[in-house]
């Protein structure tokens, strides 16, 4: 990538950025909501269970066929957190 390039990342995709030769990277989050909460999520079982992650995997042709009781519990907690943030004008997962 070069100065001025734009890259669009789908919601639910894991991503990392690599620094340039000056050990610098500049990014701007352009989200589709007015005020969004942007937080880093490390790869792991809990983040793999997020509904937005399952949605992303389905869009690229990877099925989420093994959904367990733990996933449902995580989804319920996530839904509550999302509703709480939404009531304050934030979005956990921009659409």
PDB file of N, CA and C in Angstrom:
ATOM      1  N   UNK A   1       0.831  -1.173   0.000  1.00  0.00           N
ATOM      2  CA  UNK A   1       0.000   0.000   0.000  1.00  0.00           C
ATOM      3  C   UNK A   1       0.881   1.242   0.000  1.00  0.00           C
ATOM      4  N   UNK A   2       0.322   2.292  -0.545  1.00  0.00           N
ATOM      5  CA  UNK A   2       1.029   3.562  -0.592  1.00  0.00           C
ATOM      6  C   UNK A   2       0.170   4.657   0.015  1.00  0.00           C
ATOM      7  N   UNK A   3       0.781   5.803   0.260  1.00  0.00           N
ATOM      8  CA  UNK A   3       0.071   6.946   0.828  1.00  0.00           C
ATOM      9  C   UNK A   3      -1.196   7.227   0.018  1.00  0.00           C
ATOM     10  N   UNK A   4      -2.305   7.358   0.718  1.00  0.00           N
ATOM     11  CA  UNK A   4      -3.572   7.675   0.064  1.00  0.00           C
ATOM     12  C   UNK A   4      -4.399   6.465  -0.317  1.00  0.00           C
ATOM     13  N   UNK A   5      -3.849   5.258  -0.202  1.00  0.00           N
ATOM     14  CA  UNK A   5      -4.609   4.055  -0.529  1.00  0.00           C
ATOM     15  C   UNK A   5      -5.707   3.824   0.497  1.00  0.00           C
ATOM     16  N   UNK A   6      -6.764   3.170   0.058  1.00  0.00           N
ATOM     17  CA  UNK A   6      -7.889   2.838   0.928  1.00  0.00           C
ATOM     18  C   UNK A   6      -8.078   1.331   0.909  1.00  0.00           C
ATOM     19  N   UNK A   7      -8.302   0.759   2.072  1.00  0.00           N
ATOM     20  CA  UNK A   7      -8.616  -0.661   2.174  1.00  0.00           C
ATOM     21  C   UNK A   7      -9.897  -0.786   2.990  1.00  0.00           C
ATOM     22  N   UNK A   8     -10.814  -1.610   2.506  1.00  0.00           N
ATOM     23  CA  UNK A   8     -12.087  -1.814   3.189  1.00  0.00           C
ATOM     24  C   UNK A   8     -12.063  -3.197   3.821  1.00  0.00           C
ATOM     25  N   UNK A   9     -12.301  -3.253   5.124  1.00  0.00           N
ATOM     26  CA  UNK A   9     -12.324  -4.520   5.852  1.00  0.00           C
ATOM     27  C   UNK A   9     -13.755  -4.825   6.261  1.00  0.00           C
ATOM     28  N   UNK A  10     -14.189  -6.030   5.993  1.00  0.00           N
ATOM     29  CA  UNK A  10     -15.536  -6.441   6.378  1.00  0.00           C
ATOM     30  C   UNK A  10     -15.643  -6.571   7.883  1.00  0.00           C
ATOM     31  N   UNK A  11     -16.827  -6.275   8.415  1.00  0.00           N
ATOM     32  CA  UNK A  11     -17.077  -6.502   9.838  1.00  0.00           C
ATOM     33  C   UNK A  11     -16.909  -7.987  10.115  1.00  0.00           C
ATOM     34  N   UNK A  12     -16.242  -8.333  11.192  1.00  0.00           N
ATOM     35  CA  UNK A  12     -16.052  -9.729  11.562  1.00  0.00           C
ATOM     36  C   UNK A  12     -14.752 -10.342  11.088  1.00  0.00           C
ATOM     37  N   UNK A  13     -13.969  -9.604  10.289  1.00  0.00           N
ATOM     38  CA  UNK A  13     -12.707 -10.148   9.798  1.00  0.00           C
ATOM     39  C   UNK A  13     -11.592  -9.795  10.788  1.00  0.00           C
ATOM     40  N   UNK A  14     -10.702 -10.753  11.037  1.00  0.00           N
ATOM     41  CA  UNK A  14      -9.530 -10.458  11.858  1.00  0.00           C
ATOM     42  C   UNK A  14      -8.542  -9.700  10.987  1.00  0.00           C
ATOM     43  N   UNK A  15      -7.897  -8.702  11.547  1.00  0.00           N
ATOM     44  CA  UNK A  15      -6.919  -7.951  10.768  1.00  0.00           C
ATOM     45  C   UNK A  15      -5.805  -7.423  11.657  1.00  0.00           C
ATOM     46  N   UNK A  16      -4.661  -7.270  11.050  1.00  0.00           N
ATOM     47  CA  UNK A  16      -3.485  -6.711  11.708  1.00  0.00           C
ATOM     48  C   UNK A  16      -2.824  -5.773  10.704  1.00  0.00           C
ATOM     49  N   UNK A  17      -2.131  -4.786  11.206  1.00  0.00           N
ATOM     50  CA  UNK A  17      -1.398  -3.878  10.340  1.00  0.00           C
ATOM     51  C   UNK A  17       0.092  -4.049  10.608  1.00  0.00           C
ATOM     52  N   UNK A  18       0.892  -3.900   9.566  1.00  0.00           N
ATOM     53  CA  UNK A  18       2.342  -3.977   9.685  1.00  0.00           C
ATOM     54  C   UNK A  18       2.916  -2.573   9.562  1.00  0.00           C
ATOM     55  N   UNK A  19       3.878  -2.271  10.391  1.00  0.00           N
ATOM     56  CA  UNK A  19       4.508  -0.956  10.352  1.00  0.00           C
ATOM     57  C   UNK A  19       5.395  -0.810   9.122  1.00  0.00           C
ATOM     58  N   UNK A  20       5.605   0.433   8.699  1.00  0.00           N
ATOM     59  CA  UNK A  20       6.504   0.668   7.572  1.00  0.00           C
ATOM     60  C   UNK A  20       7.957   0.729   8.048  1.00  0.00           C
ATOM     61  N   UNK A  21       8.862   1.081   7.141  1.00  0.00           N
ATOM     62  CA  UNK A  21      10.286   1.091   7.498  1.00  0.00           C
ATOM     63  C   UNK A  21      10.619   2.127   8.568  1.00  0.00           C
ATOM     64  N   UNK A  22       9.727   3.083   8.782  1.00  0.00           N
ATOM     65  CA  UNK A  22       9.933   4.070   9.850  1.00  0.00           C
ATOM     66  C   UNK A  22       9.236   3.641  11.145  1.00  0.00           C
ATOM     67  N   UNK A  23       8.701   2.418  11.178  1.00  0.00           N
ATOM     68  CA  UNK A  23       7.926   1.917  12.314  1.00  0.00           C
ATOM     69  C   UNK A  23       6.682   2.765  12.565  1.00  0.00           C
ATOM     70  N   UNK A  24       6.045   3.172  11.485  1.00  0.00           N
ATOM     71  CA  UNK A  24       4.872   4.040  11.574  1.00  0.00           C
ATOM     72  C   UNK A  24       3.740   3.467  10.729  1.00  0.00           C
ATOM     73  N   UNK A  25       2.535   3.608  11.217  1.00  0.00           N
ATOM     74  CA  UNK A  25       1.339   3.346  10.418  1.00  0.00           C
ATOM     75  C   UNK A  25       0.285   4.342  10.864  1.00  0.00           C
ATOM     76  N   UNK A  26      -0.440   4.843   9.916  1.00  0.00           N
ATOM     77  CA  UNK A  26      -1.534   5.751  10.230  1.00  0.00           C
ATOM     78  C   UNK A  26      -2.801   5.159   9.645  1.00  0.00           C
ATOM     79  N   UNK A  27      -3.805   5.016  10.479  1.00  0.00           N
ATOM     80  CA  UNK A  27      -5.081   4.494  10.004  1.00  0.00           C
ATOM     81  C   UNK A  27      -6.197   5.413  10.471  1.00  0.00           C
ATOM     82  N   UNK A  28      -7.271   5.374   9.737  1.00  0.00           N
ATOM     83  CA  UNK A  28      -8.478   6.103  10.110  1.00  0.00           C
ATOM     84  C   UNK A  28      -9.628   5.111  10.033  1.00  0.00           C
ATOM     85  N   UNK A  29     -10.398   5.019  11.107  1.00  0.00           N
ATOM     86  CA  UNK A  29     -11.599   4.185  11.088  1.00  0.00           C
ATOM     87  C   UNK A  29     -12.750   5.023  10.559  1.00  0.00           C
ATOM     88  N   UNK A  30     -13.302   4.636   9.442  1.00  0.00           N
ATOM     89  CA  UNK A  30     -14.481   5.293   8.894  1.00  0.00           C
ATOM     90  C   UNK A  30     -15.637   4.321   9.054  1.00  0.00           C
ATOM     91  N   UNK A  31     -16.522   4.622   9.971  1.00  0.00           N
ATOM     92  CA  UNK A  31     -17.609   3.715  10.303  1.00  0.00           C
ATOM     93  C   UNK A  31     -18.938   4.277   9.820  1.00  0.00           C
ATOM     94  N   UNK A  32     -19.907   3.384   9.659  1.00  0.00           N
ATOM     95  CA  UNK A  32     -21.202   3.784   9.134  1.00  0.00           C
ATOM     96  C   UNK A  32     -22.159   4.308  10.197  1.00  0.00           C
ATOM     97  N   UNK A  33     -21.703   4.497  11.388  1.00  0.00           N
ATOM     98  CA  UNK A  33     -22.567   5.004  12.453  1.00  0.00           C
ATOM     99  C   UNK A  33     -21.997   6.320  12.957  1.00  0.00           C
ATOM    100  N   UNK A  34     -22.842   7.097  13.566  1.00  0.00           N
ATOM    101  CA  UNK A  34     -22.420   8.429  14.009  1.00  0.00           C
ATOM    102  C   UNK A  34     -21.330   8.365  15.070  1.00  0.00           C
ATOM    103  N   UNK A  35     -21.570   7.619  16.132  1.00  0.00           N
ATOM    104  CA  UNK A  35     -20.583   7.468  17.216  1.00  0.00           C
ATOM    105  C   UNK A  35     -20.419   5.980  17.481  1.00  0.00           C
ATOM    106  N   UNK A  36     -19.292   5.446  17.167  1.00  0.00           N
ATOM    107  CA  UNK A  36     -19.081   4.006  17.328  1.00  0.00           C
ATOM    108  C   UNK A  36     -17.983   3.735  18.347  1.00  0.00           C
ATOM    109  N   UNK A  37     -18.183   2.674  19.115  1.00  0.00           N
ATOM    110  CA  UNK A  37     -17.154   2.223  20.048  1.00  0.00           C
ATOM    111  C   UNK A  37     -16.242   1.263  19.290  1.00  0.00           C
ATOM    112  N   UNK A  38     -14.989   1.611  19.158  1.00  0.00           N
ATOM    113  CA  UNK A  38     -14.033   0.759  18.461  1.00  0.00           C
ATOM    114  C   UNK A  38     -13.097   0.191  19.510  1.00  0.00           C
ATOM    115  N   UNK A  39     -13.100  -1.124  19.623  1.00  0.00           N
ATOM    116  CA  UNK A  39     -12.262  -1.781  20.619  1.00  0.00           C
ATOM    117  C   UNK A  39     -11.542  -2.951  19.961  1.00  0.00           C
ATOM    118  N   UNK A  40     -10.310  -3.223  20.364  1.00  0.00           N
ATOM    119  CA  UNK A  40      -9.603  -4.376  19.809  1.00  0.00           C
ATOM    120  C   UNK A  40     -10.126  -5.679  20.412  1.00  0.00           C
ATOM    121  N   UNK A  41     -10.253  -6.685  19.579  1.00  0.00           N
ATOM    122  CA  UNK A  41     -10.657  -8.013  20.033  1.00  0.00           C
ATOM    123  C   UNK A  41      -9.600  -8.995  19.567  1.00  0.00           C
ATOM    124  N   UNK A  42      -8.974  -9.695  20.487  1.00  0.00           N
ATOM    125  CA  UNK A  42      -7.960 -10.679  20.135  1.00  0.00           C
ATOM    126  C   UNK A  42      -8.623 -11.970  19.689  1.00  0.00           C
ATOM    127  N   UNK A  43      -7.947 -12.685  18.821  1.00  0.00           N
ATOM    128  CA  UNK A  43      -8.476 -13.965  18.354  1.00  0.00           C
ATOM    129  C   UNK A  43      -8.631 -14.919  19.519  1.00  0.00           C
ATOM    130  N   UNK A  44      -9.688 -15.684  19.492  1.00  0.00           N
ATOM    131  CA  UNK A  44      -9.915 -16.661  20.542  1.00  0.00           C
ATOM    132  C   UNK A  44     -11.307 -17.244  20.433  1.00  0.00           C
ATOM    133  N   UNK A  45     -11.600 -18.194  21.299  1.00  0.00           N
ATOM    134  CA  UNK A  45     -12.896 -18.866  21.271  1.00  0.00           C
ATOM    135  C   UNK A  45     -14.047 -17.890  21.482  1.00  0.00           C
ATOM    136  N   UNK A  46     -13.868 -16.934  22.398  1.00  0.00           N
ATOM    137  CA  UNK A  46     -14.971 -16.009  22.672  1.00  0.00           C
ATOM    138  C   UNK A  46     -15.246 -15.102  21.473  1.00  0.00           C
ATOM    139  N   UNK A  47     -14.203 -14.613  20.807  1.00  0.00           N
ATOM    140  CA  UNK A  47     -14.444 -13.752  19.647  1.00  0.00           C
ATOM    141  C   UNK A  47     -14.916 -14.552  18.443  1.00  0.00           C
ATOM    142  N   UNK A  48     -14.513 -15.801  18.350  1.00  0.00           N
ATOM    143  CA  UNK A  48     -15.009 -16.647  17.265  1.00  0.00           C
ATOM    144  C   UNK A  48     -16.503 -16.903  17.395  1.00  0.00           C
ATOM    145  N   UNK A  49     -17.044 -16.755  18.604  1.00  0.00           N
ATOM    146  CA  UNK A  49     -18.466 -17.004  18.835  1.00  0.00           C
ATOM    147  C   UNK A  49     -19.334 -15.779  18.553  1.00  0.00           C
ATOM    148  N   UNK A  50     -18.743 -14.621  18.294  1.00  0.00           N
ATOM    149  CA  UNK A  50     -19.531 -13.413  18.041  1.00  0.00           C
ATOM    150  C   UNK A  50     -20.395 -13.603  16.793  1.00  0.00           C
ATOM    151  N   UNK A  51     -21.629 -13.193  16.851  1.00  0.00           N
ATOM    152  CA  UNK A  51     -22.515 -13.322  15.684  1.00  0.00           C
ATOM    153  C   UNK A  51     -21.943 -12.648  14.435  1.00  0.00           C
ATOM    154  N   UNK A  52     -21.291 -11.508  14.592  1.00  0.00           N
ATOM    155  CA  UNK A  52     -20.741 -10.816  13.427  1.00  0.00           C
ATOM    156  C   UNK A  52     -19.632 -11.642  12.786  1.00  0.00           C
ATOM    157  N   UNK A  53     -18.887 -12.399  13.583  1.00  0.00           N
ATOM    158  CA  UNK A  53     -17.843 -13.284  13.047  1.00  0.00           C
ATOM    159  C   UNK A  53     -18.478 -14.421  12.247  1.00  0.00           C
ATOM    160  N   UNK A  54     -19.545 -15.012  12.796  1.00  0.00           N
ATOM    161  CA  UNK A  54     -20.256 -16.081  12.079  1.00  0.00           C
ATOM    162  C   UNK A  54     -20.828 -15.547  10.767  1.00  0.00           C
ATOM    163  N   UNK A  55     -21.385 -14.341  10.810  1.00  0.00           N
ATOM    164  CA  UNK A  55     -21.938 -13.733   9.596  1.00  0.00           C
ATOM    165  C   UNK A  55     -20.843 -13.553   8.544  1.00  0.00           C
ATOM    166  N   UNK A  56     -19.704 -13.034   8.960  1.00  0.00           N
ATOM    167  CA  UNK A  56     -18.588 -12.848   8.029  1.00  0.00           C
ATOM    168  C   UNK A  56     -18.164 -14.186   7.421  1.00  0.00           C
ATOM    169  N   UNK A  57     -18.012 -15.208   8.253  1.00  0.00           N
ATOM    170  CA  UNK A  57     -17.587 -16.519   7.750  1.00  0.00           C
ATOM    171  C   UNK A  57     -18.591 -17.085   6.755  1.00  0.00           C
ATOM    172  N   UNK A  58     -19.887 -16.897   7.028  1.00  0.00           N
ATOM    173  CA  UNK A  58     -20.905 -17.375   6.083  1.00  0.00           C
ATOM    174  C   UNK A  58     -20.803 -16.632   4.753  1.00  0.00           C
ATOM    175  N   UNK A  59     -20.481 -15.325   4.789  1.00  0.00           N
ATOM    176  CA  UNK A  59     -20.403 -14.561   3.542  1.00  0.00           C
ATOM    177  C   UNK A  59     -19.237 -15.001   2.668  1.00  0.00           C
ATOM    178  N   UNK A  60     -18.210 -15.601   3.263  1.00  0.00           N
ATOM    179  CA  UNK A  60     -17.083 -16.085   2.455  1.00  0.00           C
ATOM    180  C   UNK A  60     -17.159 -17.590   2.231  1.00  0.00           C
ATOM    181  N   UNK A  61     -18.291 -18.193   2.625  1.00  0.00           N
ATOM    182  CA  UNK A  61     -18.514 -19.599   2.337  1.00  0.00           C
ATOM    183  C   UNK A  61     -18.045 -20.572   3.386  1.00  0.00           C
ATOM    184  N   UNK A  62     -17.757 -20.102   4.583  1.00  0.00           N
ATOM    185  CA  UNK A  62     -17.358 -20.987   5.676  1.00  0.00           C
ATOM    186  C   UNK A  62     -18.538 -21.091   6.620  1.00  0.00           C
ATOM    187  N   UNK A  63     -19.107 -22.287   6.754  1.00  0.00           N
ATOM    188  CA  UNK A  63     -20.278 -22.445   7.604  1.00  0.00           C
ATOM    189  C   UNK A  63     -19.938 -22.468   9.076  1.00  0.00           C
ATOM    190  N   UNK A  64     -20.865 -21.984   9.856  1.00  0.00           N
ATOM    191  CA  UNK A  64     -20.732 -22.034  11.319  1.00  0.00           C
ATOM    192  C   UNK A  64     -21.637 -23.151  11.812  1.00  0.00           C
ATOM    193  N   UNK A  65     -21.240 -24.381  11.538  1.00  0.00           N
ATOM    194  CA  UNK A  65     -22.123 -25.515  11.801  1.00  0.00           C
ATOM    195  C   UNK A  65     -22.042 -26.036  13.227  1.00  0.00           C
ATOM    196  N   UNK A  66     -21.030 -25.660  13.955  1.00  0.00           N
ATOM    197  CA  UNK A  66     -20.888 -26.174  15.319  1.00  0.00           C
ATOM    198  C   UNK A  66     -21.139 -25.069  16.331  1.00  0.00           C
ATOM    199  N   UNK A  67     -22.395 -24.800  16.576  1.00  0.00           N
ATOM    200  CA  UNK A  67     -22.776 -23.785  17.553  1.00  0.00           C
ATOM    201  C   UNK A  67     -23.222 -24.508  18.807  1.00  0.00           C
ATOM    202  N   UNK A  68     -22.523 -24.256  19.902  1.00  0.00           N
ATOM    203  CA  UNK A  68     -22.829 -24.917  21.159  1.00  0.00           C
ATOM    204  C   UNK A  68     -23.533 -24.012  22.143  1.00  0.00           C
ATOM    205  N   UNK A  69     -23.848 -24.579  23.318  1.00  0.00           N
ATOM    206  CA  UNK A  69     -24.522 -23.809  24.366  1.00  0.00           C
ATOM    207  C   UNK A  69     -23.683 -22.621  24.808  1.00  0.00           C
ATOM    208  N   UNK A  70     -22.349 -22.783  24.801  1.00  0.00           N
ATOM    209  CA  UNK A  70     -21.470 -21.684  25.198  1.00  0.00           C
ATOM    210  C   UNK A  70     -21.631 -20.506  24.249  1.00  0.00           C
ATOM    211  N   UNK A  71     -21.776 -20.807  22.958  1.00  0.00           N
ATOM    212  CA  UNK A  71     -21.944 -19.748  21.968  1.00  0.00           C
ATOM    213  C   UNK A  71     -23.222 -18.958  22.221  1.00  0.00           C
ATOM    214  N   UNK A  72     -24.288 -19.662  22.539  1.00  0.00           N
ATOM    215  CA  UNK A  72     -25.566 -19.001  22.804  1.00  0.00           C
ATOM    216  C   UNK A  72     -25.440 -18.084  24.015  1.00  0.00           C
ATOM    217  N   UNK A  73     -24.755 -18.548  25.053  1.00  0.00           N
ATOM    218  CA  UNK A  73     -24.556 -17.725  26.250  1.00  0.00           C
ATOM    219  C   UNK A  73     -23.759 -16.467  25.912  1.00  0.00           C
ATOM    220  N   UNK A  74     -22.719 -16.614  25.102  1.00  0.00           N
ATOM    221  CA  UNK A  74     -21.913 -15.460  24.693  1.00  0.00           C
ATOM    222  C   UNK A  74     -22.757 -14.506  23.866  1.00  0.00           C
ATOM    223  N   UNK A  75     -23.571 -15.037  22.968  1.00  0.00           N
ATOM    224  CA  UNK A  75     -24.422 -14.188  22.126  1.00  0.00           C
ATOM    225  C   UNK A  75     -25.387 -13.373  22.974  1.00  0.00           C
ATOM    226  N   UNK A  76     -25.958 -14.013  24.011  1.00  0.00           N
ATOM    227  CA  UNK A  76     -26.900 -13.299  24.881  1.00  0.00           C
ATOM    228  C   UNK A  76     -26.201 -12.163  25.614  1.00  0.00           C
ATOM    229  N   UNK A  77     -24.989 -12.423  26.129  1.00  0.00           N
ATOM    230  CA  UNK A  77     -24.226 -11.369  26.812  1.00  0.00           C
ATOM    231  C   UNK A  77     -23.874 -10.255  25.828  1.00  0.00           C
ATOM    232  N   UNK A  78     -23.465 -10.644  24.640  1.00  0.00           N
ATOM    233  CA  UNK A  78     -23.094  -9.672  23.623  1.00  0.00           C
ATOM    234  C   UNK A  78     -24.293  -8.824  23.221  1.00  0.00           C
ATOM    235  N   UNK A  79     -25.444  -9.464  23.070  1.00  0.00           N
ATOM    236  CA  UNK A  79     -26.660  -8.723  22.704  1.00  0.00           C
ATOM    237  C   UNK A  79     -26.993  -7.703  23.783  1.00  0.00           C
ATOM    238  N   UNK A  80     -26.883  -8.093  25.050  1.00  0.00           N
ATOM    239  CA  UNK A  80     -27.158  -7.168  26.147  1.00  0.00           C
ATOM    240  C   UNK A  80     -26.177  -5.996  26.109  1.00  0.00           C
ATOM    241  N   UNK A  81     -24.889  -6.297  25.893  1.00  0.00           N
ATOM    242  CA  UNK A  81     -23.873  -5.240  25.825  1.00  0.00           C
ATOM    243  C   UNK A  81     -24.155  -4.307  24.655  1.00  0.00           C
ATOM    244  N   UNK A  82     -24.552  -4.891  23.529  1.00  0.00           N
ATOM    245  CA  UNK A  82     -24.845  -4.083  22.343  1.00  0.00           C
ATOM    246  C   UNK A  82     -26.042  -3.178  22.592  1.00  0.00           C
ATOM    247  N   UNK A  83     -27.093  -3.714  23.225  1.00  0.00           N
ATOM    248  CA  UNK A  83     -28.273  -2.909  23.529  1.00  0.00           C
ATOM    249  C   UNK A  83     -27.933  -1.795  24.504  1.00  0.00           C
ATOM    250  N   UNK A  84     -27.091  -2.096  25.492  1.00  0.00           N
ATOM    251  CA  UNK A  84     -26.681  -1.077  26.460  1.00  0.00           C
ATOM    252  C   UNK A  84     -25.917   0.051  25.773  1.00  0.00           C
ATOM    253  N   UNK A  85     -24.990  -0.321  24.892  1.00  0.00           N
ATOM    254  CA  UNK A  85     -24.230   0.692  24.162  1.00  0.00           C
ATOM    255  C   UNK A  85     -25.122   1.472  23.205  1.00  0.00           C
ATOM    256  N   UNK A  86     -26.042   0.765  22.546  1.00  0.00           N
ATOM    257  CA  UNK A  86     -26.937   1.430  21.595  1.00  0.00           C
ATOM    258  C   UNK A  86     -27.781   2.486  22.284  1.00  0.00           C
ATOM    259  N   UNK A  87     -28.199   2.209  23.514  1.00  0.00           N
ATOM    260  CA  UNK A  87     -29.020   3.179  24.240  1.00  0.00           C
ATOM    261  C   UNK A  87     -28.230   4.447  24.555  1.00  0.00           C
ATOM    262  N   UNK A  88     -26.897   4.347  24.491  1.00  0.00           N
ATOM    263  CA  UNK A  88     -26.037   5.506  24.740  1.00  0.00           C
ATOM    264  C   UNK A  88     -25.523   6.117  23.433  1.00  0.00           C
ATOM    265  N   UNK A  89     -26.012   5.600  22.306  1.00  0.00           N
ATOM    266  CA  UNK A  89     -25.607   6.142  21.011  1.00  0.00           C
ATOM    267  C   UNK A  89     -24.390   5.490  20.397  1.00  0.00           C
ATOM    268  N   UNK A  90     -23.929   4.372  20.957  1.00  0.00           N
ATOM    269  CA  UNK A  90     -22.761   3.674  20.423  1.00  0.00           C
ATOM    270  C   UNK A  90     -23.194   2.402  19.701  1.00  0.00           C
ATOM    271  N   UNK A  91     -22.317   1.899  18.839  1.00  0.00           N
ATOM    272  CA  UNK A  91     -22.556   0.632  18.162  1.00  0.00           C
ATOM    273  C   UNK A  91     -21.339  -0.259  18.352  1.00  0.00           C
ATOM    274  N   UNK A  92     -21.562  -1.463  18.875  1.00  0.00           N
ATOM    275  CA  UNK A  92     -20.465  -2.402  19.083  1.00  0.00           C
ATOM    276  C   UNK A  92     -19.990  -2.976  17.756  1.00  0.00           C
ATOM    277  N   UNK A  93     -20.925  -3.267  16.878  1.00  0.00           N
ATOM    278  CA  UNK A  93     -20.600  -3.795  15.559  1.00  0.00           C
ATOM    279  C   UNK A  93     -21.264  -2.932  14.500  1.00  0.00           C
ATOM    280  N   UNK A  94     -20.546  -1.993  13.911  1.00  0.00           N
ATOM    281  CA  UNK A  94     -21.138  -1.157  12.866  1.00  0.00           C
ATOM    282  C   UNK A  94     -21.647  -2.008  11.721  1.00  0.00           C
ATOM    283  N   UNK A  95     -22.731  -1.606  11.146  1.00  0.00           N
ATOM    284  CA  UNK A  95     -23.325  -2.373  10.031  1.00  0.00           C
ATOM    285  C   UNK A  95     -22.784  -1.887   8.720  1.00  0.00           C
TER     286      UNK A  95
END
